PDB file of N, CA and C in Angstrom:
ATOM      1  N   UNK A   1      35.609  -6.804 -23.120  1.00  0.00           N
ATOM      2  CA  UNK A   1      34.158  -6.309 -23.050  1.00  0.00           C
ATOM      3  C   UNK A   1      33.376  -7.379 -22.911  1.00  0.00           C
ATOM      4  N   UNK A   2      32.244  -7.514 -22.030  1.00  0.00           N
ATOM      5  CA  UNK A   2      31.503  -8.718 -22.065  1.00  0.00           C
ATOM      6  C   UNK A   2      30.071  -8.141 -22.871  1.00  0.00           C
ATOM      7  N   UNK A   3      29.697  -9.153 -23.821  1.00  0.00           N
ATOM      8  CA  UNK A   3      28.783  -9.055 -24.565  1.00  0.00           C
ATOM      9  C   UNK A   3      27.386  -9.548 -24.029  1.00  0.00           C
ATOM     10  N   UNK A   4      27.656 -10.444 -22.852  1.00  0.00           N
ATOM     11  CA  UNK A   4      26.719 -11.292 -22.318  1.00  0.00           C
ATOM     12  C   UNK A   4      25.579 -10.406 -21.387  1.00  0.00           C
ATOM     13  N   UNK A   5      26.207  -9.074 -21.101  1.00  0.00           N
ATOM     14  CA  UNK A   5      25.745  -8.321 -20.044  1.00  0.00           C
ATOM     15  C   UNK A   5      24.507  -7.873 -20.736  1.00  0.00           C
ATOM     16  N   UNK A   6      23.293  -7.691 -19.783  1.00  0.00           N
ATOM     17  CA  UNK A   6      22.060  -7.211 -20.301  1.00  0.00           C
ATOM     18  C   UNK A   6      21.863  -5.814 -19.919  1.00  0.00           C
ATOM     19  N   UNK A   7      21.222  -5.162 -20.758  1.00  0.00           N
ATOM     20  CA  UNK A   7      20.867  -3.717 -20.073  1.00  0.00           C
ATOM     21  C   UNK A   7      19.633  -3.751 -19.101  1.00  0.00           C
ATOM     22  N   UNK A   8      19.658  -2.579 -18.624  1.00  0.00           N
ATOM     23  CA  UNK A   8      18.322  -2.553 -17.848  1.00  0.00           C
ATOM     24  C   UNK A   8      17.049  -2.965 -18.445  1.00  0.00           C
ATOM     25  N   UNK A   9      16.262  -3.703 -17.634  1.00  0.00           N
ATOM     26  CA  UNK A   9      14.907  -4.524 -18.205  1.00  0.00           C
ATOM     27  C   UNK A   9      13.825  -3.369 -18.458  1.00  0.00           C
ATOM     28  N   UNK A  10      13.132  -3.389 -19.319  1.00  0.00           N
ATOM     29  CA  UNK A  10      11.969  -2.448 -19.460  1.00  0.00           C
ATOM     30  C   UNK A  10      10.730  -3.219 -19.219  1.00  0.00           C
ATOM     31  N   UNK A  11       9.628  -2.662 -18.852  1.00  0.00           N
ATOM     32  CA  UNK A  11       8.391  -3.038 -18.396  1.00  0.00           C
ATOM     33  C   UNK A  11       7.380  -2.694 -19.424  1.00  0.00           C
ATOM     34  N   UNK A  12       6.446  -3.229 -19.510  1.00  0.00           N
ATOM     35  CA  UNK A  12       5.335  -2.712 -20.388  1.00  0.00           C
ATOM     36  C   UNK A  12       4.635  -1.665 -20.160  1.00  0.00           C
ATOM     37  N   UNK A  13       3.616  -1.112 -20.932  1.00  0.00           N
ATOM     38  CA  UNK A  13       2.870   0.180 -20.631  1.00  0.00           C
ATOM     39  C   UNK A  13       1.987  -0.326 -19.536  1.00  0.00           C
ATOM     40  N   UNK A  14       1.185  -1.698 -19.610  1.00  0.00           N
ATOM     41  CA  UNK A  14       0.195  -2.171 -18.687  1.00  0.00           C
ATOM     42  C   UNK A  14       0.738  -2.025 -17.311  1.00  0.00           C
ATOM     43  N   UNK A  15       2.142  -2.711 -17.211  1.00  0.00           N
ATOM     44  CA  UNK A  15       2.726  -2.816 -15.820  1.00  0.00           C
ATOM     45  C   UNK A  15       2.914  -1.414 -15.447  1.00  0.00           C
ATOM     46  N   UNK A  16       3.488  -0.762 -16.204  1.00  0.00           N
ATOM     47  CA  UNK A  16       3.891   0.605 -15.844  1.00  0.00           C
ATOM     48  C   UNK A  16       2.314   1.563 -15.319  1.00  0.00           C
ATOM     49  N   UNK A  17       1.348   1.334 -15.822  1.00  0.00           N
ATOM     50  CA  UNK A  17       0.318   2.098 -15.325  1.00  0.00           C
ATOM     51  C   UNK A  17      -0.205   1.535 -13.865  1.00  0.00           C
ATOM     52  N   UNK A  18      -0.298   0.008 -14.011  1.00  0.00           N
ATOM     53  CA  UNK A  18      -0.898  -0.510 -12.922  1.00  0.00           C
ATOM     54  C   UNK A  18       0.259  -0.323 -11.491  1.00  0.00           C
ATOM     55  N   UNK A  19       1.433  -0.241 -11.819  1.00  0.00           N
ATOM     56  CA  UNK A  19       2.599   0.369 -10.800  1.00  0.00           C
ATOM     57  C   UNK A  19       2.261   1.764 -10.294  1.00  0.00           C
ATOM     58  N   UNK A  20       2.047   2.657 -11.326  1.00  0.00           N
ATOM     59  CA  UNK A  20       1.793   3.836 -10.857  1.00  0.00           C
ATOM     60  C   UNK A  20       0.726   4.257 -10.120  1.00  0.00           C
ATOM     61  N   UNK A  21      -0.535   3.622 -10.349  1.00  0.00           N
ATOM     62  CA  UNK A  21      -1.753   3.649  -9.653  1.00  0.00           C
ATOM     63  C   UNK A  21      -1.784   3.123  -8.362  1.00  0.00           C
ATOM     64  N   UNK A  22      -0.891   1.788  -8.082  1.00  0.00           N
ATOM     65  CA  UNK A  22      -0.552   1.081  -6.819  1.00  0.00           C
ATOM     66  C   UNK A  22       0.236   2.188  -6.086  1.00  0.00           C
ATOM     67  N   UNK A  23       1.276   2.821  -6.647  1.00  0.00           N
ATOM     68  CA  UNK A  23       2.244   3.815  -5.919  1.00  0.00           C
ATOM     69  C   UNK A  23       1.294   4.915  -5.357  1.00  0.00           C
ATOM     70  N   UNK A  24       0.433   5.398  -6.353  1.00  0.00           N
ATOM     71  CA  UNK A  24      -0.326   6.521  -5.907  1.00  0.00           C
ATOM     72  C   UNK A  24      -1.355   6.138  -4.581  1.00  0.00           C
ATOM     73  N   UNK A  25      -1.880   5.154  -4.700  1.00  0.00           N
ATOM     74  CA  UNK A  25      -3.065   4.641  -3.932  1.00  0.00           C
ATOM     75  C   UNK A  25      -2.257   4.485  -2.546  1.00  0.00           C
ATOM     76  N   UNK A  26      -1.059   3.989  -2.334  1.00  0.00           N
ATOM     77  CA  UNK A  26      -0.089   3.665  -1.101  1.00  0.00           C
ATOM     78  C   UNK A  26       0.100   4.894  -0.726  1.00  0.00           C
ATOM     79  N   UNK A  27       0.681   5.786  -1.350  1.00  0.00           N
ATOM     80  CA  UNK A  27       1.261   7.510  -1.062  1.00  0.00           C
ATOM     81  C   UNK A  27      -0.058   7.842  -0.414  1.00  0.00           C
ATOM     82  N   UNK A  28      -1.254   7.905  -0.957  1.00  0.00           N
ATOM     83  CA  UNK A  28      -2.269   8.670  -0.171  1.00  0.00           C
ATOM     84  C   UNK A  28      -2.792   7.921   0.840  1.00  0.00           C
ATOM     85  N   UNK A  29      -2.790   6.800   1.041  1.00  0.00           N
ATOM     86  CA  UNK A  29      -3.247   6.000   2.286  1.00  0.00           C
ATOM     87  C   UNK A  29      -2.357   6.352   3.406  1.00  0.00           C
ATOM     88  N   UNK A  30      -0.846   6.394   3.131  1.00  0.00           N
ATOM     89  CA  UNK A  30      -0.005   6.649   4.064  1.00  0.00           C
ATOM     90  C   UNK A  30      -0.192   8.055   4.315  1.00  0.00           C
ATOM     91  N   UNK A  31       0.235   9.103   3.451  1.00  0.00           N
ATOM     92  CA  UNK A  31       0.495  10.462   3.674  1.00  0.00           C
ATOM     93  C   UNK A  31      -0.873  11.116   4.368  1.00  0.00           C
ATOM     94  N   UNK A  32      -1.843  10.806   3.687  1.00  0.00           N
ATOM     95  CA  UNK A  32      -3.181  11.403   4.081  1.00  0.00           C
ATOM     96  C   UNK A  32      -3.926  10.893   5.162  1.00  0.00           C
ATOM     97  N   UNK A  33      -4.326   9.398   5.253  1.00  0.00           N
ATOM     98  CA  UNK A  33      -5.038   8.871   5.996  1.00  0.00           C
ATOM     99  C   UNK A  33      -4.291   8.321   7.224  1.00  0.00           C
ATOM    100  N   UNK A  34      -2.654   8.336   6.901  1.00  0.00           N
ATOM    101  CA  UNK A  34      -1.692   8.150   8.224  1.00  0.00           C
ATOM    102  C   UNK A  34      -1.662   9.394   9.207  1.00  0.00           C
ATOM    103  N   UNK A  35      -1.536  10.347   8.591  1.00  0.00           N
ATOM    104  CA  UNK A  35      -1.364  11.703   9.200  1.00  0.00           C
ATOM    105  C   UNK A  35      -3.078  11.884   9.746  1.00  0.00           C
ATOM    106  N   UNK A  36      -3.916  11.860   9.032  1.00  0.00           N
ATOM    107  CA  UNK A  36      -5.356  11.970   9.648  1.00  0.00           C
ATOM    108  C   UNK A  36      -5.698  11.058  10.834  1.00  0.00           C
ATOM    109  N   UNK A  37      -5.112   9.909  10.892  1.00  0.00           N
ATOM    110  CA  UNK A  37      -5.215   9.047  12.097  1.00  0.00           C
ATOM    111  C   UNK A  37      -4.234   9.482  13.414  1.00  0.00           C
ATOM    112  N   UNK A  38      -3.416   9.939  12.915  1.00  0.00           N
ATOM    113  CA  UNK A  38      -2.776  10.561  14.260  1.00  0.00           C
ATOM    114  C   UNK A  38      -3.327  11.808  14.726  1.00  0.00           C
ATOM    115  N   UNK A  39      -3.878  12.611  13.815  1.00  0.00           N
ATOM    116  CA  UNK A  39      -4.656  13.799  14.095  1.00  0.00           C
ATOM    117  C   UNK A  39      -5.843  13.785  14.917  1.00  0.00           C
ATOM    118  N   UNK A  40      -6.639  13.014  14.617  1.00  0.00           N
ATOM    119  CA  UNK A  40      -7.882  12.385  15.210  1.00  0.00           C
ATOM    120  C   UNK A  40      -7.948  11.478  16.586  1.00  0.00           C
ATOM    121  N   UNK A  41      -6.361  11.760  17.202  1.00  0.00           N
ATOM    122  CA  UNK A  41      -6.364  11.088  18.468  1.00  0.00           C
ATOM    123  C   UNK A  41      -6.943  11.738  19.437  1.00  0.00           C
ATOM    124  N   UNK A  42      -7.649  11.082  20.495  1.00  0.00           N
ATOM    125  CA  UNK A  42      -8.494  11.959  21.361  1.00  0.00           C
ATOM    126  C   UNK A  42      -7.406  12.177  22.667  1.00  0.00           C
ATOM    127  N   UNK A  43      -7.532  13.180  23.588  1.00  0.00           N
ATOM    128  CA  UNK A  43      -6.871  13.321  24.674  1.00  0.00           C
ATOM    129  C   UNK A  43      -5.511  14.121  24.568  1.00  0.00           C
ATOM    130  N   UNK A  44      -5.327  14.837  23.179  1.00  0.00           N
ATOM    131  CA  UNK A  44      -4.440  15.458  22.858  1.00  0.00           C
ATOM    132  C   UNK A  44      -4.716  17.173  22.479  1.00  0.00           C
ATOM    133  N   UNK A  45      -3.936  17.838  22.683  1.00  0.00           N
ATOM    134  CA  UNK A  45      -4.402  19.397  22.209  1.00  0.00           C
ATOM    135  C   UNK A  45      -3.935  19.373  20.769  1.00  0.00           C
ATOM    136  N   UNK A  46      -4.678  20.436  19.988  1.00  0.00           N
ATOM    137  CA  UNK A  46      -4.440  20.824  18.854  1.00  0.00           C
ATOM    138  C   UNK A  46      -3.009  21.012  18.419  1.00  0.00           C
ATOM    139  N   UNK A  47      -2.439  21.798  19.066  1.00  0.00           N
ATOM    140  CA  UNK A  47      -0.949  22.379  18.889  1.00  0.00           C
ATOM    141  C   UNK A  47       0.072  20.962  19.052  1.00  0.00           C
ATOM    142  N   UNK A  48      -0.142  20.108  20.165  1.00  0.00           N
ATOM    143  CA  UNK A  48       0.523  18.953  20.319  1.00  0.00           C
ATOM    144  C   UNK A  48       0.584  17.918  19.171  1.00  0.00           C
ATOM    145  N   UNK A  49      -0.986  17.720  18.871  1.00  0.00           N
ATOM    146  CA  UNK A  49      -0.932  16.977  17.576  1.00  0.00           C
ATOM    147  C   UNK A  49      -0.444  17.505  16.133  1.00  0.00           C
ATOM    148  N   UNK A  50      -0.321  18.758  16.052  1.00  0.00           N
ATOM    149  CA  UNK A  50       0.246  19.630  15.123  1.00  0.00           C
ATOM    150  C   UNK A  50       2.081  19.255  14.983  1.00  0.00           C
ATOM    151  N   UNK A  51       2.319  19.363  16.284  1.00  0.00           N
ATOM    152  CA  UNK A  51       3.720  19.087  16.331  1.00  0.00           C
ATOM    153  C   UNK A  51       4.296  17.630  16.067  1.00  0.00           C
ATOM    154  N   UNK A  52       3.181  16.838  16.286  1.00  0.00           N
ATOM    155  CA  UNK A  52       3.527  15.337  16.212  1.00  0.00           C
ATOM    156  C   UNK A  52       3.568  15.041  14.677  1.00  0.00           C
ATOM    157  N   UNK A  53       2.245  15.587  13.973  1.00  0.00           N
ATOM    158  CA  UNK A  53       2.015  15.142  12.649  1.00  0.00           C
ATOM    159  C   UNK A  53       2.887  15.881  11.804  1.00  0.00           C
ATOM    160  N   UNK A  54       3.304  16.933  11.760  1.00  0.00           N
ATOM    161  CA  UNK A  54       4.324  17.830  10.906  1.00  0.00           C
ATOM    162  C   UNK A  54       5.592  16.958  10.445  1.00  0.00           C
ATOM    163  N   UNK A  55       6.618  16.695  11.580  1.00  0.00           N
ATOM    164  CA  UNK A  55       7.604  16.033  11.301  1.00  0.00           C
ATOM    165  C   UNK A  55       7.214  14.395  11.005  1.00  0.00           C
ATOM    166  N   UNK A  56       6.119  13.965  11.224  1.00  0.00           N
ATOM    167  CA  UNK A  56       5.704  12.598  10.751  1.00  0.00           C
ATOM    168  C   UNK A  56       5.399  12.333   9.383  1.00  0.00           C
ATOM    169  N   UNK A  57       4.752  13.770   9.084  1.00  0.00           N
ATOM    170  CA  UNK A  57       4.489  13.558   7.698  1.00  0.00           C
ATOM    171  C   UNK A  57       5.646  13.642   6.654  1.00  0.00           C
ATOM    172  N   UNK A  58       6.884  14.260   7.030  1.00  0.00           N
ATOM    173  CA  UNK A  58       8.029  14.085   6.334  1.00  0.00           C
ATOM    174  C   UNK A  58       8.852  12.837   6.565  1.00  0.00           C
ATOM    175  N   UNK A  59       8.468  12.170   7.601  1.00  0.00           N
ATOM    176  CA  UNK A  59       8.997  10.925   7.627  1.00  0.00           C
ATOM    177  C   UNK A  59       8.312   9.806   6.716  1.00  0.00           C
ATOM    178  N   UNK A  60       7.256  10.250   6.591  1.00  0.00           N
ATOM    179  CA  UNK A  60       6.286   9.161   5.836  1.00  0.00           C
ATOM    180  C   UNK A  60       6.947   9.682   4.282  1.00  0.00           C
ATOM    181  N   UNK A  61       6.968  10.968   3.971  1.00  0.00           N
ATOM    182  CA  UNK A  61       7.544  10.959   2.641  1.00  0.00           C
ATOM    183  C   UNK A  61       8.975  10.393   2.340  1.00  0.00           C
ATOM    184  N   UNK A  62       9.807  10.676   3.320  1.00  0.00           N
ATOM    185  CA  UNK A  62      11.012   9.975   3.202  1.00  0.00           C
ATOM    186  C   UNK A  62      11.196   8.440   3.105  1.00  0.00           C
ATOM    187  N   UNK A  63      10.115   7.762   3.769  1.00  0.00           N
ATOM    188  CA  UNK A  63      10.306   6.475   3.863  1.00  0.00           C
ATOM    189  C   UNK A  63       9.390   6.022   2.378  1.00  0.00           C
ATOM    190  N   UNK A  64       8.610   6.443   1.931  1.00  0.00           N
ATOM    191  CA  UNK A  64       7.923   6.195   0.586  1.00  0.00           C
ATOM    192  C   UNK A  64       9.297   6.571  -0.559  1.00  0.00           C
ATOM    193  N   UNK A  65       9.969   7.706  -0.530  1.00  0.00           N
ATOM    194  CA  UNK A  65      10.956   7.724  -1.264  1.00  0.00           C
ATOM    195  C   UNK A  65      11.899   6.692  -1.406  1.00  0.00           C
ATOM    196  N   UNK A  66      12.289   6.235  -0.085  1.00  0.00           N
ATOM    197  CA  UNK A  66      13.008   5.046   0.084  1.00  0.00           C
ATOM    198  C   UNK A  66      12.619   3.759  -0.567  1.00  0.00           C
ATOM    199  N   UNK A  67      11.267   3.626  -0.296  1.00  0.00           N
ATOM    200  CA  UNK A  67      10.728   2.212  -0.689  1.00  0.00           C
ATOM    201  C   UNK A  67      10.721   2.325  -2.030  1.00  0.00           C
ATOM    202  N   UNK A  68      10.453   3.400  -2.865  1.00  0.00           N
ATOM    203  CA  UNK A  68      10.249   3.574  -4.089  1.00  0.00           C
ATOM    204  C   UNK A  68      11.599   3.113  -4.913  1.00  0.00           C
ATOM    205  N   UNK A  69      12.841   3.723  -4.344  1.00  0.00           N
ATOM    206  CA  UNK A  69      14.100   3.419  -4.766  1.00  0.00           C
ATOM    207  C   UNK A  69      14.339   2.171  -4.669  1.00  0.00           C
ATOM    208  N   UNK A  70      14.114   1.275  -3.474  1.00  0.00           N
ATOM    209  CA  UNK A  70      14.393  -0.155  -3.479  1.00  0.00           C
ATOM    210  C   UNK A  70      13.546  -0.856  -4.601  1.00  0.00           C
ATOM    211  N   UNK A  71      12.330  -0.326  -4.767  1.00  0.00           N
ATOM    212  CA  UNK A  71      11.519  -1.275  -5.762  1.00  0.00           C
ATOM    213  C   UNK A  71      12.283  -1.033  -7.344  1.00  0.00           C
ATOM    214  N   UNK A  72      12.823   0.238  -7.584  1.00  0.00           N
ATOM    215  CA  UNK A  72      13.387   0.580  -8.596  1.00  0.00           C
ATOM    216  C   UNK A  72      14.880  -0.088  -8.977  1.00  0.00           C
ATOM    217  N   UNK A  73      15.441  -0.349  -7.799  1.00  0.00           N
ATOM    218  CA  UNK A  73      16.793  -0.989  -7.720  1.00  0.00           C
ATOM    219  C   UNK A  73      16.424  -2.354  -8.097  1.00  0.00           C
ATOM    220  N   UNK A  74      15.337  -3.106  -7.671  1.00  0.00           N
ATOM    221  CA  UNK A  74      15.097  -4.461  -8.013  1.00  0.00           C
ATOM    222  C   UNK A  74      14.370  -4.757  -9.204  1.00  0.00           C
ATOM    223  N   UNK A  75      14.013  -3.773  -9.987  1.00  0.00           N
ATOM    224  CA  UNK A  75      13.594  -3.647 -11.280  1.00  0.00           C
ATOM    225  C   UNK A  75      12.178  -4.027 -11.183  1.00  0.00           C
ATOM    226  N   UNK A  76      11.352  -3.620 -10.032  1.00  0.00           N
ATOM    227  CA  UNK A  76       9.948  -3.989 -10.120  1.00  0.00           C
ATOM    228  C   UNK A  76       9.190  -2.919 -10.593  1.00  0.00           C
ATOM    229  N   UNK A  77       9.606  -1.764 -10.572  1.00  0.00           N
ATOM    230  CA  UNK A  77       9.277  -0.474 -11.153  1.00  0.00           C
ATOM    231  C   UNK A  77       9.840   0.007 -12.078  1.00  0.00           C
TER     232      UNK A  77
END
C-alpha cells in the first residue's frame, strides 16, 4: 500500500465562491445571450429561428457540463 499518495485536493471557501460566480456568469452568457444572439438574426422566420435555437440550447448545456467536468478533473474547481 502506497502511503505517499495524496487524496483529492481541497480548495478554500473564497476560491469556491469565486469559481461558482464565474461559472454562473459564463453559463448565463452562453445560454441566455448566446441563444438570444441567434434569435435576433435578421432575415429568418420565427419558426426557423426556434428550430435552430432549441437544439442549440441543449448543445450549449452539454458543452457547459463537459467543460465543468474537465475543470473538475484537473482540480481547478
